[in-house]
Amino acid sequence: MLQIRPVSDLRNKFPEIENAVNSGRPVYLTKNGYGAMVVMSLEKYAELTDAIELKLDAADHAAVVSDVRYTHDEVFARLNEGIK
């Protein structure tokens, strides 16, 4: 079940939020009725970002070993072609 709580609960009810995120569920925090942030466990965050970090590391390595560079227009043209 989606957990949406006021940001004040982060301070006032931290153990409840901690239990939720440690069980793998993110908690969405609001401020003045609007979404402000999401709290999640480090493990869940790593699941979301590890693959991206590996791809960025590979791209950095490719940039070091290659002299090929692309303009902004070339990059976005290639992205647009991949989307179609």
C-alpha atoms as a PDB file:
ATOM      1  CA  MET A   1       0.000   0.000   0.000  1.00  0.00           C
ATOM      2  CA  LEU A   2       1.242   3.465  -0.909  1.00  0.00           C
ATOM      3  CA  GLN A   3       2.403   5.427   2.152  1.00  0.00           C
ATOM      4  CA  ILE A   4       1.890   9.182   1.948  1.00  0.00           C
ATOM      5  CA  ARG A   5       2.667  11.154   5.088  1.00  0.00           C
ATOM      6  CA  PRO A   6       3.333  14.744   6.103  1.00  0.00           C
ATOM      7  CA  VAL A   7       7.019  15.612   6.352  1.00  0.00           C
ATOM      8  CA  SER A   8       6.555  16.280  10.076  1.00  0.00           C
ATOM      9  CA  ASP A   9       6.139  12.502  10.536  1.00  0.00           C
ATOM     10  CA  LEU A  10       9.789  12.114   9.626  1.00  0.00           C
ATOM     11  CA  ARG A  11      10.633  13.783  12.923  1.00  0.00           C
ATOM     12  CA  ASN A  12       7.624  12.775  15.020  1.00  0.00           C
ATOM     13  CA  LYS A  13       7.130   9.170  13.869  1.00  0.00           C
ATOM     14  CA  PHE A  14      10.554   8.175  12.605  1.00  0.00           C
ATOM     15  CA  PRO A  15      10.374   4.539  13.817  1.00  0.00           C
ATOM     16  CA  GLU A  16       7.180   3.961  11.783  1.00  0.00           C
ATOM     17  CA  ILE A  17       8.751   5.419   8.650  1.00  0.00           C
ATOM     18  CA  GLU A  18      11.941   3.460   9.257  1.00  0.00           C
ATOM     19  CA  ASN A  19       9.966   0.207   9.536  1.00  0.00           C
ATOM     20  CA  ALA A  20       8.145   0.959   6.279  1.00  0.00           C
ATOM     21  CA  VAL A  21      11.278   1.697   4.280  1.00  0.00           C
ATOM     22  CA  ASN A  22      13.191  -1.232   5.795  1.00  0.00           C
ATOM     23  CA  SER A  23      10.430  -3.536   4.589  1.00  0.00           C
ATOM     24  CA  GLY A  24      11.055  -2.310   1.043  1.00  0.00           C
ATOM     25  CA  ARG A  25       8.245   0.240   0.728  1.00  0.00           C
ATOM     26  CA  PRO A  26       9.054   3.873  -0.053  1.00  0.00           C
ATOM     27  CA  VAL A  27       7.345   6.593   1.965  1.00  0.00           C
ATOM     28  CA  TYR A  28       6.169   9.704   0.126  1.00  0.00           C
ATOM     29  CA  LEU A  29       6.392  12.848   2.236  1.00  0.00           C
ATOM     30  CA  THR A  30       4.280  15.931   1.686  1.00  0.00           C
ATOM     31  CA  LYS A  31       4.695  19.529   2.759  1.00  0.00           C
ATOM     32  CA  ASN A  32       1.610  21.744   2.815  1.00  0.00           C
ATOM     33  CA  GLY A  33      -0.279  19.037   0.926  1.00  0.00           C
ATOM     34  CA  TYR A  34       2.202  18.784  -1.955  1.00  0.00           C
ATOM     35  CA  GLY A  35       4.761  16.087  -2.653  1.00  0.00           C
ATOM     36  CA  ALA A  36       8.127  17.019  -1.178  1.00  0.00           C
ATOM     37  CA  MET A  37      10.322  13.894  -1.169  1.00  0.00           C
ATOM     38  CA  VAL A  38      10.516  10.131  -1.077  1.00  0.00           C
ATOM     39  CA  VAL A  39      12.279   8.172   1.644  1.00  0.00           C
ATOM     40  CA  MET A  40      13.548   4.696   0.802  1.00  0.00           C
ATOM     41  CA  SER A  41      16.046   2.194   2.144  1.00  0.00           C
ATOM     42  CA  LEU A  42      19.638   2.265   0.982  1.00  0.00           C
ATOM     43  CA  GLU A  43      19.141  -1.190  -0.536  1.00  0.00           C
ATOM     44  CA  LYS A  44      16.155  -0.054  -2.606  1.00  0.00           C
ATOM     45  CA  TYR A  45      18.023   3.087  -3.698  1.00  0.00           C
ATOM     46  CA  ALA A  46      20.998   0.946  -4.760  1.00  0.00           C
ATOM     47  CA  GLU A  47      18.656  -1.297  -6.800  1.00  0.00           C
ATOM     48  CA  LEU A  48      17.479   1.776  -8.677  1.00  0.00           C
ATOM     49  CA  THR A  49      20.872   3.371  -9.259  1.00  0.00           C
ATOM     50  CA  ASP A  50      23.537   0.641  -9.499  1.00  0.00           C
ATOM     51  CA  ALA A  51      22.871  -0.180 -13.159  1.00  0.00           C
ATOM     52  CA  ILE A  52      22.947   3.504 -14.066  1.00  0.00           C
ATOM     53  CA  GLU A  53      26.248   3.981 -12.218  1.00  0.00           C
ATOM     54  CA  LEU A  54      27.792   1.075 -14.135  1.00  0.00           C
ATOM     55  CA  LYS A  55      26.663   2.548 -17.464  1.00  0.00           C
ATOM     56  CA  LEU A  56      28.024   5.978 -16.526  1.00  0.00           C
ATOM     57  CA  ASP A  57      31.353   4.407 -15.548  1.00  0.00           C
ATOM     58  CA  ALA A  58      31.454   2.589 -18.907  1.00  0.00           C
ATOM     59  CA  ALA A  59      30.671   5.858 -20.721  1.00  0.00           C
ATOM     60  CA  ASP A  60      33.456   7.646 -18.827  1.00  0.00           C
ATOM     61  CA  HIS A  61      35.877   4.894 -19.794  1.00  0.00           C
ATOM     62  CA  ALA A  62      34.766   5.027 -23.444  1.00  0.00           C
ATOM     63  CA  ALA A  63      35.340   8.789 -23.460  1.00  0.00           C
ATOM     64  CA  VAL A  64      38.865   8.332 -22.134  1.00  0.00           C
ATOM     65  CA  VAL A  65      39.897   5.737 -24.738  1.00  0.00           C
ATOM     66  CA  SER A  66      38.214   7.386 -27.744  1.00  0.00           C
ATOM     67  CA  ASP A  67      38.680  10.685 -29.516  1.00  0.00           C
ATOM     68  CA  VAL A  68      35.137  10.602 -30.943  1.00  0.00           C
ATOM     69  CA  ARG A  69      32.919  13.393 -29.639  1.00  0.00           C
ATOM     70  CA  TYR A  70      29.319  14.212 -30.512  1.00  0.00           C
ATOM     71  CA  THR A  71      27.525  17.546 -30.588  1.00  0.00           C
ATOM     72  CA  HIS A  72      24.370  18.164 -28.635  1.00  0.00           C
ATOM     73  CA  ASP A  73      22.332  17.935 -31.844  1.00  0.00           C
ATOM     74  CA  GLU A  74      23.915  14.601 -32.809  1.00  0.00           C
ATOM     75  CA  VAL A  75      23.207  13.064 -29.410  1.00  0.00           C
ATOM     76  CA  PHE A  76      19.562  14.114 -29.382  1.00  0.00           C
ATOM     77  CA  ALA A  77      19.048  13.076 -33.000  1.00  0.00           C
ATOM     78  CA  ARG A  78      20.303   9.589 -32.100  1.00  0.00           C
ATOM     79  CA  LEU A  79      18.045   9.469 -29.047  1.00  0.00           C
ATOM     80  CA  ASN A  80      15.038  10.521 -31.105  1.00  0.00           C
ATOM     81  CA  GLU A  81      15.771   7.805 -33.656  1.00  0.00           C
ATOM     82  CA  GLY A  82      15.927   5.226 -30.887  1.00  0.00           C
ATOM     83  CA  ILE A  83      12.561   6.296 -29.514  1.00  0.00           C
ATOM     84  CA  LYS A  84      10.709   5.965 -32.831  1.00  0.00           C
END
